[in-house]
Amino acid sequence: MNAPLPTTAAARRATVQRDTKETKIRVSVDLDGSGTAKLATGIGFFDHMLEQIARHGLIDLEIEALGDLHIDGHHTVEDVGITLGQAVGKAVGDKRGLVRYGYAYVPLDEALSRVVIDFSGRPGLTMNVPFKAGMIGGFDAQLAHEFFQGFANHALVTLHIDNLRGENAHHQCETVFKAFARALRAAIAIDPRVGDAVPSTKGSL
């Protein structure tokens, strides 16, 4: 007899609105989507990276962001990470039936990155990405860290990100986001062998 699917499997969707004096952000996610994306952050390269999360994570993702881009992209990128983390955290619910762990290696030409994620309930980011350029189009490469820090803190995940090699900053960043998407996809999958159990010996995450 097959193990029962967890009760959270049928409704793993969430929408979160975050409004501050610096940004107004709305994020909607469907963790069991097909990889469609509707993105408008005002930062072209950032939209390109967010699309990788949707496409390679098989997450339906809608993000609308109005930020103080006349200053720079920092608040917008960080707050999108925070809001996306909140939405994913809300969508996974009590994590019953979740695989919980995910990892991926993704290459792009000379670049190779590895991402490992754990829906542990204990937020933490360890990131080692020595970008070869400070700017990628209109995107400040330092903001990749701020995005993932915001996500990890608010999705309550442990996240390890390493760029193992790369000479082109665009390639480095894209492999990071694609590897994140694939690791996330693996971690949020429902494991039919787990049934309705929480994937922890503690009984909660």
N, C-alpha and C. Protein backbone atom coordinates (compact mmCIF):
# COMPACT_ATOMS: atom_id res chain seq x y z
N MET A 1 0.85 -1.20 0.00
CA MET A 1 0.00 0.00 0.00
C MET A 1 0.89 1.25 0.00
N ASN A 2 0.54 2.20 -0.85
CA ASN A 2 1.32 3.43 -0.91
C ASN A 2 1.08 4.27 0.34
N ALA A 3 2.13 4.94 0.80
CA ALA A 3 1.98 5.84 1.95
C ALA A 3 1.13 7.03 1.56
N PRO A 4 0.31 7.55 2.49
CA PRO A 4 -0.54 8.70 2.17
C PRO A 4 0.29 9.94 1.90
N LEU A 5 -0.16 10.73 0.95
CA LEU A 5 0.52 11.99 0.68
C LEU A 5 0.22 12.97 1.80
N PRO A 6 1.16 13.86 2.10
CA PRO A 6 0.92 14.83 3.16
C PRO A 6 -0.18 15.80 2.81
N THR A 7 -0.85 16.31 3.83
CA THR A 7 -1.98 17.20 3.60
C THR A 7 -1.56 18.50 2.94
N THR A 8 -0.29 18.88 3.04
CA THR A 8 0.17 20.15 2.47
C THR A 8 0.41 20.06 0.97
N ALA A 9 0.38 18.85 0.39
CA ALA A 9 0.77 18.67 -1.00
C ALA A 9 -0.20 19.35 -1.96
N ALA A 10 -1.47 19.52 -1.57
CA ALA A 10 -2.48 20.03 -2.48
C ALA A 10 -2.50 21.55 -2.56
N ALA A 11 -1.87 22.24 -1.65
CA ALA A 11 -2.01 23.69 -1.61
C ALA A 11 -0.70 24.35 -1.22
N ARG A 12 0.31 24.12 -2.02
CA ARG A 12 1.63 24.67 -1.66
C ARG A 12 1.85 25.97 -2.44
N ARG A 13 1.00 26.91 -2.14
CA ARG A 13 1.05 28.23 -2.77
C ARG A 13 1.00 29.30 -1.69
N ALA A 14 1.58 30.44 -2.00
CA ALA A 14 1.55 31.55 -1.03
C ALA A 14 1.78 32.86 -1.76
N THR A 15 1.20 33.92 -1.20
CA THR A 15 1.44 35.29 -1.67
C THR A 15 1.80 36.14 -0.46
N VAL A 16 2.86 36.92 -0.60
CA VAL A 16 3.31 37.80 0.48
C VAL A 16 3.52 39.20 -0.08
N GLN A 17 3.02 40.17 0.63
CA GLN A 17 3.21 41.58 0.29
C GLN A 17 4.10 42.21 1.35
N ARG A 18 5.14 42.92 0.93
CA ARG A 18 6.05 43.61 1.86
C ARG A 18 6.16 45.07 1.43
N ASP A 19 5.74 45.97 2.29
CA ASP A 19 5.80 47.40 2.00
C ASP A 19 6.64 48.10 3.05
N THR A 20 7.66 48.82 2.61
CA THR A 20 8.46 49.65 3.50
C THR A 20 8.61 51.03 2.85
N LYS A 21 9.34 51.90 3.51
CA LYS A 21 9.60 53.22 2.92
C LYS A 21 10.55 53.13 1.74
N GLU A 22 11.24 51.98 1.61
CA GLU A 22 12.23 51.80 0.55
C GLU A 22 11.72 50.98 -0.62
N THR A 23 10.84 50.02 -0.33
CA THR A 23 10.35 49.13 -1.39
C THR A 23 8.90 48.74 -1.15
N LYS A 24 8.24 48.38 -2.25
CA LYS A 24 6.92 47.75 -2.21
C LYS A 24 7.02 46.50 -3.07
N ILE A 25 6.85 45.34 -2.44
CA ILE A 25 7.13 44.08 -3.12
C ILE A 25 5.99 43.10 -2.90
N ARG A 26 5.60 42.45 -3.98
CA ARG A 26 4.59 41.39 -3.91
C ARG A 26 5.15 40.15 -4.59
N VAL A 27 5.11 39.03 -3.87
CA VAL A 27 5.62 37.76 -4.39
C VAL A 27 4.55 36.70 -4.26
N SER A 28 4.31 35.96 -5.33
CA SER A 28 3.43 34.79 -5.31
C SER A 28 4.21 33.59 -5.81
N VAL A 29 4.07 32.46 -5.10
CA VAL A 29 4.75 31.23 -5.51
C VAL A 29 3.78 30.07 -5.52
N ASP A 30 4.01 29.17 -6.44
CA ASP A 30 3.35 27.87 -6.47
C ASP A 30 4.45 26.84 -6.58
N LEU A 31 4.70 26.12 -5.49
CA LEU A 31 5.83 25.20 -5.45
C LEU A 31 5.64 23.99 -6.36
N ASP A 32 4.41 23.75 -6.78
CA ASP A 32 4.13 22.62 -7.66
C ASP A 32 3.73 23.11 -9.05
N GLY A 33 4.38 24.18 -9.48
CA GLY A 33 4.07 24.78 -10.77
C GLY A 33 4.82 24.14 -11.91
N SER A 34 4.87 24.88 -13.01
CA SER A 34 5.52 24.37 -14.23
C SER A 34 6.73 25.20 -14.64
N GLY A 35 7.07 26.21 -13.83
CA GLY A 35 8.25 27.02 -14.13
C GLY A 35 7.96 28.33 -14.81
N THR A 36 6.72 28.80 -14.75
CA THR A 36 6.39 30.07 -15.38
C THR A 36 6.79 31.23 -14.47
N ALA A 37 7.12 32.35 -15.07
CA ALA A 37 7.57 33.51 -14.30
C ALA A 37 7.00 34.80 -14.88
N LYS A 38 6.54 35.67 -13.99
CA LYS A 38 6.17 37.03 -14.33
C LYS A 38 6.95 37.94 -13.38
N LEU A 39 7.90 38.67 -13.93
CA LEU A 39 8.88 39.36 -13.09
C LEU A 39 9.00 40.82 -13.50
N ALA A 40 9.03 41.69 -12.51
CA ALA A 40 9.21 43.12 -12.78
C ALA A 40 9.86 43.75 -11.56
N THR A 41 11.19 43.71 -11.51
CA THR A 41 11.91 44.31 -10.39
C THR A 41 12.56 45.64 -10.76
N GLY A 42 12.61 45.93 -12.05
CA GLY A 42 13.29 47.13 -12.51
C GLY A 42 14.78 46.94 -12.73
N ILE A 43 15.28 45.73 -12.46
CA ILE A 43 16.70 45.40 -12.67
C ILE A 43 16.75 44.21 -13.63
N GLY A 44 17.12 44.47 -14.86
CA GLY A 44 17.03 43.46 -15.91
C GLY A 44 17.77 42.17 -15.61
N PHE A 45 19.01 42.27 -15.19
CA PHE A 45 19.79 41.06 -14.93
C PHE A 45 19.22 40.29 -13.75
N PHE A 46 18.71 41.00 -12.75
CA PHE A 46 18.10 40.34 -11.60
C PHE A 46 16.85 39.56 -12.03
N ASP A 47 16.03 40.16 -12.89
CA ASP A 47 14.88 39.43 -13.43
C ASP A 47 15.33 38.16 -14.15
N HIS A 48 16.42 38.26 -14.88
CA HIS A 48 16.98 37.10 -15.60
C HIS A 48 17.36 36.00 -14.61
N MET A 49 17.95 36.36 -13.47
CA MET A 49 18.32 35.37 -12.46
C MET A 49 17.09 34.78 -11.78
N LEU A 50 16.11 35.60 -11.47
CA LEU A 50 14.88 35.10 -10.86
C LEU A 50 14.14 34.14 -11.79
N GLU A 51 14.24 34.40 -13.08
CA GLU A 51 13.61 33.49 -14.04
C GLU A 51 14.26 32.11 -13.98
N GLN A 52 15.56 32.08 -13.70
CA GLN A 52 16.24 30.78 -13.56
C GLN A 52 15.66 29.98 -12.40
N ILE A 53 15.33 30.68 -11.30
CA ILE A 53 14.74 30.00 -10.15
C ILE A 53 13.42 29.36 -10.53
N ALA A 54 12.58 30.11 -11.25
CA ALA A 54 11.29 29.56 -11.66
C ALA A 54 11.46 28.40 -12.64
N ARG A 55 12.24 28.63 -13.68
CA ARG A 55 12.35 27.63 -14.74
C ARG A 55 13.00 26.34 -14.26
N HIS A 56 14.12 26.46 -13.57
CA HIS A 56 14.86 25.27 -13.18
C HIS A 56 14.39 24.69 -11.84
N GLY A 57 13.64 25.48 -11.09
CA GLY A 57 13.05 24.98 -9.85
C GLY A 57 11.64 24.45 -10.03
N LEU A 58 11.09 24.62 -11.25
CA LEU A 58 9.71 24.26 -11.55
C LEU A 58 8.75 24.88 -10.54
N ILE A 59 8.99 26.15 -10.28
CA ILE A 59 8.15 26.95 -9.39
C ILE A 59 7.48 28.03 -10.23
N ASP A 60 6.17 28.18 -10.10
CA ASP A 60 5.51 29.33 -10.71
C ASP A 60 5.76 30.53 -9.81
N LEU A 61 6.26 31.61 -10.40
CA LEU A 61 6.76 32.73 -9.61
C LEU A 61 6.31 34.05 -10.22
N GLU A 62 5.68 34.87 -9.39
CA GLU A 62 5.32 36.23 -9.79
C GLU A 62 5.92 37.20 -8.78
N ILE A 63 6.67 38.16 -9.30
CA ILE A 63 7.30 39.16 -8.43
C ILE A 63 7.12 40.54 -9.04
N GLU A 64 6.54 41.44 -8.26
CA GLU A 64 6.45 42.84 -8.62
C GLU A 64 7.17 43.64 -7.55
N ALA A 65 8.10 44.46 -7.97
CA ALA A 65 8.88 45.24 -7.01
C ALA A 65 9.02 46.68 -7.47
N LEU A 66 8.72 47.58 -6.57
CA LEU A 66 8.96 49.01 -6.77
C LEU A 66 9.92 49.44 -5.68
N GLY A 67 11.16 49.74 -6.07
CA GLY A 67 12.16 50.10 -5.09
C GLY A 67 12.83 51.41 -5.40
N ASP A 68 13.67 51.85 -4.49
CA ASP A 68 14.37 53.12 -4.63
C ASP A 68 15.61 52.96 -5.51
N LEU A 69 15.37 52.61 -6.76
CA LEU A 69 16.46 52.36 -7.69
C LEU A 69 17.22 53.63 -8.05
N HIS A 70 16.65 54.78 -7.72
CA HIS A 70 17.40 56.03 -7.95
C HIS A 70 18.60 56.11 -7.00
N ILE A 71 18.56 55.33 -5.90
CA ILE A 71 19.72 55.24 -5.01
C ILE A 71 20.64 54.14 -5.51
N ASP A 72 20.18 52.91 -5.45
CA ASP A 72 20.85 51.76 -6.07
C ASP A 72 19.93 50.56 -5.93
N GLY A 73 20.41 49.39 -6.29
CA GLY A 73 19.56 48.21 -6.29
C GLY A 73 19.52 47.45 -4.98
N HIS A 74 20.26 47.92 -3.97
CA HIS A 74 20.44 47.14 -2.75
C HIS A 74 19.11 46.79 -2.07
N HIS A 75 18.30 47.79 -1.78
CA HIS A 75 17.07 47.54 -1.04
C HIS A 75 16.11 46.65 -1.83
N THR A 76 16.05 46.86 -3.13
CA THR A 76 15.15 46.06 -3.96
C THR A 76 15.57 44.60 -3.96
N VAL A 77 16.83 44.32 -4.20
CA VAL A 77 17.30 42.94 -4.29
C VAL A 77 17.17 42.25 -2.93
N GLU A 78 17.60 42.91 -1.88
CA GLU A 78 17.51 42.31 -0.54
C GLU A 78 16.06 42.04 -0.15
N ASP A 79 15.18 42.99 -0.41
CA ASP A 79 13.79 42.82 0.01
C ASP A 79 13.05 41.79 -0.84
N VAL A 80 13.44 41.63 -2.09
CA VAL A 80 12.89 40.53 -2.89
C VAL A 80 13.31 39.19 -2.27
N GLY A 81 14.57 39.10 -1.86
CA GLY A 81 15.03 37.87 -1.20
C GLY A 81 14.24 37.58 0.07
N ILE A 82 14.03 38.61 0.88
CA ILE A 82 13.25 38.46 2.10
C ILE A 82 11.83 37.99 1.80
N THR A 83 11.18 38.65 0.85
CA THR A 83 9.78 38.35 0.55
C THR A 83 9.63 36.99 -0.10
N LEU A 84 10.55 36.63 -0.99
CA LEU A 84 10.52 35.30 -1.59
C LEU A 84 10.73 34.24 -0.51
N GLY A 85 11.65 34.48 0.41
CA GLY A 85 11.86 33.55 1.50
C GLY A 85 10.61 33.37 2.35
N GLN A 86 9.92 34.47 2.64
CA GLN A 86 8.68 34.38 3.42
C GLN A 86 7.63 33.58 2.66
N ALA A 87 7.53 33.81 1.36
CA ALA A 87 6.51 33.11 0.57
C ALA A 87 6.81 31.61 0.49
N VAL A 88 8.07 31.25 0.26
CA VAL A 88 8.43 29.83 0.19
C VAL A 88 8.22 29.18 1.55
N GLY A 89 8.62 29.86 2.62
CA GLY A 89 8.42 29.32 3.96
C GLY A 89 6.95 29.09 4.27
N LYS A 90 6.12 30.02 3.84
CA LYS A 90 4.68 29.88 4.05
C LYS A 90 4.12 28.73 3.22
N ALA A 91 4.62 28.59 2.00
CA ALA A 91 4.09 27.56 1.09
C ALA A 91 4.46 26.15 1.54
N VAL A 92 5.64 25.95 2.13
CA VAL A 92 6.01 24.60 2.58
C VAL A 92 5.29 24.22 3.87
N GLY A 93 4.73 25.19 4.58
CA GLY A 93 3.94 24.90 5.76
C GLY A 93 4.73 24.19 6.85
N ASP A 94 4.15 23.12 7.39
CA ASP A 94 4.80 22.40 8.50
C ASP A 94 5.85 21.39 8.01
N LYS A 95 6.06 21.34 6.70
CA LYS A 95 7.12 20.53 6.07
C LYS A 95 6.88 19.03 6.15
N ARG A 96 5.65 18.64 6.42
CA ARG A 96 5.34 17.22 6.42
C ARG A 96 5.50 16.65 5.02
N GLY A 97 6.17 15.51 4.93
CA GLY A 97 6.36 14.85 3.65
C GLY A 97 7.47 15.42 2.80
N LEU A 98 8.13 16.47 3.28
CA LEU A 98 9.15 17.15 2.49
C LEU A 98 10.42 16.31 2.40
N VAL A 99 11.07 16.33 1.25
CA VAL A 99 12.40 15.72 1.16
C VAL A 99 13.36 16.41 2.12
N ARG A 100 13.26 17.72 2.20
CA ARG A 100 14.00 18.59 3.14
C ARG A 100 15.36 19.02 2.62
N TYR A 101 16.18 18.10 2.15
CA TYR A 101 17.53 18.43 1.69
C TYR A 101 17.58 18.45 0.15
N GLY A 102 18.42 19.33 -0.38
CA GLY A 102 18.64 19.33 -1.81
C GLY A 102 20.02 19.87 -2.14
N TYR A 103 20.60 19.38 -3.21
CA TYR A 103 21.88 19.91 -3.66
C TYR A 103 21.95 19.82 -5.17
N ALA A 104 22.79 20.65 -5.76
CA ALA A 104 22.96 20.63 -7.21
C ALA A 104 24.29 21.25 -7.58
N TYR A 105 24.89 20.69 -8.62
CA TYR A 105 26.03 21.27 -9.31
C TYR A 105 25.54 21.71 -10.69
N VAL A 106 25.86 22.93 -11.08
CA VAL A 106 25.45 23.41 -12.41
C VAL A 106 26.64 24.09 -13.09
N PRO A 107 26.95 23.67 -14.33
CA PRO A 107 27.99 24.33 -15.10
C PRO A 107 27.41 25.31 -16.12
N LEU A 108 28.18 26.27 -16.51
CA LEU A 108 27.90 27.11 -17.67
C LEU A 108 29.25 27.49 -18.27
N ASP A 109 29.57 26.85 -19.38
CA ASP A 109 30.87 27.03 -20.00
C ASP A 109 31.99 26.78 -18.97
N GLU A 110 32.78 27.78 -18.66
CA GLU A 110 33.93 27.58 -17.76
C GLU A 110 33.55 27.63 -16.28
N ALA A 111 32.33 28.05 -15.98
CA ALA A 111 31.91 28.25 -14.59
C ALA A 111 31.19 27.02 -14.05
N LEU A 112 31.36 26.78 -12.75
CA LEU A 112 30.71 25.65 -12.08
C LEU A 112 30.38 26.07 -10.65
N SER A 113 29.14 25.87 -10.26
CA SER A 113 28.71 26.22 -8.91
C SER A 113 27.96 25.07 -8.26
N ARG A 114 28.03 25.06 -6.93
CA ARG A 114 27.35 24.04 -6.12
C ARG A 114 26.51 24.75 -5.05
N VAL A 115 25.28 24.29 -4.89
CA VAL A 115 24.39 24.82 -3.85
C VAL A 115 23.79 23.64 -3.08
N VAL A 116 23.80 23.77 -1.76
CA VAL A 116 23.20 22.77 -0.87
C VAL A 116 22.23 23.49 0.06
N ILE A 117 21.03 22.93 0.22
CA ILE A 117 20.00 23.58 1.03
C ILE A 117 19.37 22.58 1.98
N ASP A 118 19.01 23.06 3.15
CA ASP A 118 18.34 22.25 4.16
C ASP A 118 17.22 23.09 4.77
N PHE A 119 15.98 22.60 4.66
CA PHE A 119 14.84 23.28 5.29
C PHE A 119 14.82 22.93 6.78
N SER A 120 15.83 23.38 7.45
CA SER A 120 16.14 22.98 8.82
C SER A 120 15.34 23.75 9.87
N GLY A 121 14.83 24.91 9.51
CA GLY A 121 14.25 25.81 10.50
C GLY A 121 15.29 26.67 11.18
N ARG A 122 16.56 26.47 10.80
CA ARG A 122 17.66 27.25 11.38
C ARG A 122 18.33 28.04 10.25
N PRO A 123 18.05 29.33 10.16
CA PRO A 123 18.56 30.12 9.04
C PRO A 123 20.07 30.31 9.10
N GLY A 124 20.71 30.16 7.96
CA GLY A 124 22.14 30.41 7.88
C GLY A 124 22.60 30.37 6.44
N LEU A 125 23.52 31.26 6.11
CA LEU A 125 24.08 31.30 4.77
C LEU A 125 25.60 31.26 4.86
N THR A 126 26.20 30.34 4.10
CA THR A 126 27.64 30.33 3.87
C THR A 126 27.82 30.42 2.37
N MET A 127 28.43 31.50 1.90
CA MET A 127 28.52 31.77 0.47
C MET A 127 29.94 32.16 0.10
N ASN A 128 30.49 31.46 -0.86
CA ASN A 128 31.84 31.75 -1.35
C ASN A 128 31.78 31.84 -2.88
N VAL A 129 31.62 33.06 -3.35
CA VAL A 129 31.54 33.31 -4.80
C VAL A 129 32.47 34.48 -5.12
N PRO A 130 33.69 34.21 -5.59
CA PRO A 130 34.63 35.28 -5.92
C PRO A 130 34.36 35.85 -7.31
N PHE A 131 33.39 36.75 -7.38
CA PHE A 131 33.01 37.31 -8.68
C PHE A 131 34.21 38.00 -9.34
N LYS A 132 34.32 37.78 -10.64
CA LYS A 132 35.43 38.36 -11.41
C LYS A 132 35.16 39.79 -11.85
N ALA A 133 33.95 40.26 -11.63
CA ALA A 133 33.62 41.65 -11.95
C ALA A 133 32.64 42.17 -10.91
N GLY A 134 32.69 43.48 -10.66
CA GLY A 134 31.81 44.08 -9.66
C GLY A 134 30.40 44.30 -10.15
N MET A 135 30.24 44.56 -11.44
CA MET A 135 28.93 44.81 -12.02
C MET A 135 28.67 43.80 -13.13
N ILE A 136 27.44 43.32 -13.19
CA ILE A 136 27.00 42.44 -14.27
C ILE A 136 25.82 43.15 -14.92
N GLY A 137 26.05 43.79 -16.05
CA GLY A 137 25.04 44.69 -16.59
C GLY A 137 24.79 45.80 -15.57
N GLY A 138 23.53 45.98 -15.18
CA GLY A 138 23.21 46.98 -14.17
C GLY A 138 23.06 46.38 -12.78
N PHE A 139 23.58 45.19 -12.58
CA PHE A 139 23.42 44.46 -11.31
C PHE A 139 24.75 44.44 -10.57
N ASP A 140 24.73 44.92 -9.33
CA ASP A 140 25.91 44.88 -8.47
C ASP A 140 26.09 43.45 -7.97
N ALA A 141 27.20 42.82 -8.31
CA ALA A 141 27.41 41.40 -7.98
C ALA A 141 27.34 41.14 -6.48
N GLN A 142 27.69 42.13 -5.65
CA GLN A 142 27.62 41.95 -4.20
C GLN A 142 26.20 41.67 -3.72
N LEU A 143 25.22 42.09 -4.50
CA LEU A 143 23.83 41.96 -4.08
C LEU A 143 23.32 40.52 -4.16
N ALA A 144 24.05 39.65 -4.86
CA ALA A 144 23.67 38.24 -4.86
C ALA A 144 23.69 37.71 -3.43
N HIS A 145 24.71 38.09 -2.67
CA HIS A 145 24.79 37.67 -1.27
C HIS A 145 23.62 38.21 -0.47
N GLU A 146 23.24 39.47 -0.69
CA GLU A 146 22.14 40.06 0.06
C GLU A 146 20.83 39.35 -0.26
N PHE A 147 20.64 38.97 -1.52
CA PHE A 147 19.43 38.23 -1.90
C PHE A 147 19.34 36.90 -1.17
N PHE A 148 20.43 36.13 -1.22
CA PHE A 148 20.40 34.81 -0.61
C PHE A 148 20.36 34.89 0.92
N GLN A 149 20.97 35.93 1.50
CA GLN A 149 20.89 36.12 2.95
C GLN A 149 19.44 36.38 3.35
N GLY A 150 18.78 37.25 2.60
CA GLY A 150 17.37 37.53 2.89
C GLY A 150 16.51 36.29 2.75
N PHE A 151 16.77 35.52 1.71
CA PHE A 151 15.99 34.29 1.50
C PHE A 151 16.21 33.31 2.65
N ALA A 152 17.47 33.04 2.98
CA ALA A 152 17.78 32.06 4.02
C ALA A 152 17.17 32.47 5.37
N ASN A 153 17.28 33.75 5.70
CA ASN A 153 16.77 34.22 6.99
C ASN A 153 15.27 34.06 7.12
N HIS A 154 14.55 34.21 6.02
CA HIS A 154 13.09 34.25 6.10
C HIS A 154 12.41 32.97 5.62
N ALA A 155 13.11 32.14 4.86
CA ALA A 155 12.59 30.80 4.56
C ALA A 155 13.01 29.83 5.66
N LEU A 156 13.90 30.27 6.55
CA LEU A 156 14.42 29.46 7.65
C LEU A 156 15.14 28.23 7.13
N VAL A 157 16.08 28.47 6.21
CA VAL A 157 16.86 27.39 5.62
C VAL A 157 18.34 27.59 5.91
N THR A 158 19.06 26.48 5.92
CA THR A 158 20.52 26.51 5.91
C THR A 158 20.95 26.41 4.46
N LEU A 159 21.80 27.32 4.01
CA LEU A 159 22.14 27.42 2.60
C LEU A 159 23.64 27.58 2.42
N HIS A 160 24.22 26.68 1.64
CA HIS A 160 25.64 26.74 1.31
C HIS A 160 25.78 26.94 -0.20
N ILE A 161 26.51 27.99 -0.58
CA ILE A 161 26.67 28.34 -1.99
C ILE A 161 28.16 28.50 -2.28
N ASP A 162 28.65 27.76 -3.27
CA ASP A 162 30.06 27.85 -3.65
C ASP A 162 30.19 27.90 -5.16
N ASN A 163 30.89 28.90 -5.64
CA ASN A 163 31.31 28.90 -7.04
C ASN A 163 32.68 28.24 -7.09
N LEU A 164 32.75 27.08 -7.71
CA LEU A 164 33.95 26.27 -7.69
C LEU A 164 34.99 26.74 -8.70
N ARG A 165 34.49 27.31 -9.80
CA ARG A 165 35.40 27.91 -10.76
C ARG A 165 34.60 28.82 -11.69
N GLY A 166 35.29 29.73 -12.33
CA GLY A 166 34.62 30.63 -13.27
C GLY A 166 35.45 31.87 -13.53
N GLU A 167 35.42 32.34 -14.75
CA GLU A 167 36.17 33.54 -15.14
C GLU A 167 35.26 34.67 -15.60
N ASN A 168 34.02 34.36 -15.90
CA ASN A 168 33.06 35.34 -16.38
C ASN A 168 32.00 35.54 -15.30
N ALA A 169 31.83 36.76 -14.82
CA ALA A 169 30.93 37.01 -13.69
C ALA A 169 29.48 36.67 -14.02
N HIS A 170 29.07 36.91 -15.25
CA HIS A 170 27.71 36.54 -15.67
C HIS A 170 27.53 35.03 -15.53
N HIS A 171 28.50 34.27 -16.02
CA HIS A 171 28.43 32.81 -15.92
C HIS A 171 28.45 32.36 -14.47
N GLN A 172 29.30 32.97 -13.65
CA GLN A 172 29.36 32.62 -12.23
C GLN A 172 28.00 32.80 -11.57
N CYS A 173 27.41 33.97 -11.77
CA CYS A 173 26.15 34.28 -11.12
C CYS A 173 25.03 33.38 -11.63
N GLU A 174 25.01 33.13 -12.92
CA GLU A 174 23.94 32.30 -13.48
C GLU A 174 24.04 30.87 -12.99
N THR A 175 25.25 30.34 -12.86
CA THR A 175 25.37 28.98 -12.33
C THR A 175 24.92 28.92 -10.87
N VAL A 176 25.17 29.97 -10.11
CA VAL A 176 24.72 30.01 -8.72
C VAL A 176 23.20 29.96 -8.66
N PHE A 177 22.53 30.79 -9.43
CA PHE A 177 21.07 30.84 -9.38
C PHE A 177 20.45 29.56 -9.93
N LYS A 178 21.03 29.00 -10.97
CA LYS A 178 20.50 27.74 -11.50
C LYS A 178 20.70 26.60 -10.51
N ALA A 179 21.87 26.55 -9.89
CA ALA A 179 22.12 25.50 -8.90
C ALA A 179 21.19 25.67 -7.69
N PHE A 180 20.96 26.91 -7.29
CA PHE A 180 20.00 27.16 -6.21
C PHE A 180 18.62 26.64 -6.59
N ALA A 181 18.20 26.91 -7.82
CA ALA A 181 16.89 26.46 -8.27
C ALA A 181 16.78 24.94 -8.24
N ARG A 182 17.81 24.25 -8.72
CA ARG A 182 17.77 22.79 -8.75
C ARG A 182 17.82 22.20 -7.34
N ALA A 183 18.61 22.80 -6.46
CA ALA A 183 18.67 22.32 -5.08
C ALA A 183 17.34 22.56 -4.37
N LEU A 184 16.75 23.72 -4.60
CA LEU A 184 15.45 24.04 -4.02
C LEU A 184 14.39 23.07 -4.51
N ARG A 185 14.41 22.80 -5.80
CA ARG A 185 13.44 21.86 -6.39
C ARG A 185 13.52 20.49 -5.71
N ALA A 186 14.74 20.02 -5.48
CA ALA A 186 14.92 18.72 -4.83
C ALA A 186 14.42 18.75 -3.39
N ALA A 187 14.72 19.83 -2.66
CA ALA A 187 14.40 19.90 -1.24
C ALA A 187 12.91 20.03 -0.98
N ILE A 188 12.18 20.73 -1.86
CA ILE A 188 10.74 20.96 -1.62
C ILE A 188 9.88 19.85 -2.20
N ALA A 189 10.50 18.88 -2.85
CA ALA A 189 9.74 17.77 -3.41
C ALA A 189 9.07 16.98 -2.28
N ILE A 190 7.94 16.38 -2.61
CA ILE A 190 7.24 15.52 -1.66
C ILE A 190 7.74 14.09 -1.83
N ASP A 191 8.16 13.48 -0.74
CA ASP A 191 8.66 12.12 -0.75
C ASP A 191 7.53 11.17 -0.36
N PRO A 192 7.02 10.36 -1.30
CA PRO A 192 5.89 9.49 -0.98
C PRO A 192 6.20 8.44 0.08
N ARG A 193 7.48 8.15 0.29
CA ARG A 193 7.84 7.17 1.31
C ARG A 193 7.76 7.74 2.72
N VAL A 194 7.81 9.07 2.81
CA VAL A 194 7.74 9.72 4.12
C VAL A 194 6.30 9.80 4.62
N GLY A 195 5.36 9.85 3.67
CA GLY A 195 3.96 10.00 4.06
C GLY A 195 3.72 11.35 4.69
N ASP A 196 3.05 11.36 5.85
CA ASP A 196 2.68 12.62 6.49
C ASP A 196 3.65 12.99 7.61
N ALA A 197 4.82 12.37 7.63
CA ALA A 197 5.78 12.61 8.72
C ALA A 197 6.61 13.85 8.44
N VAL A 198 7.09 14.48 9.49
CA VAL A 198 8.06 15.56 9.40
C VAL A 198 9.46 14.94 9.27
N PRO A 199 10.28 15.36 8.30
CA PRO A 199 11.58 14.73 8.08
C PRO A 199 12.63 15.15 9.11
N SER A 200 12.40 14.79 10.35
CA SER A 200 13.32 15.10 11.43
C SER A 200 13.08 14.14 12.58
N THR A 201 14.16 13.71 13.24
CA THR A 201 14.00 12.86 14.42
C THR A 201 13.38 13.63 15.59
N LYS A 202 13.42 14.96 15.51
CA LYS A 202 12.81 15.77 16.57
C LYS A 202 11.29 15.82 16.46
N GLY A 203 10.78 15.52 15.25
CA GLY A 203 9.35 15.56 15.02
C GLY A 203 8.82 16.92 14.58
N SER A 204 9.71 17.91 14.49
CA SER A 204 9.30 19.24 14.00
C SER A 204 10.52 19.94 13.44
N LEU A 205 10.24 20.88 12.55
CA LEU A 205 11.30 21.67 11.92
C LEU A 205 10.90 23.15 11.97
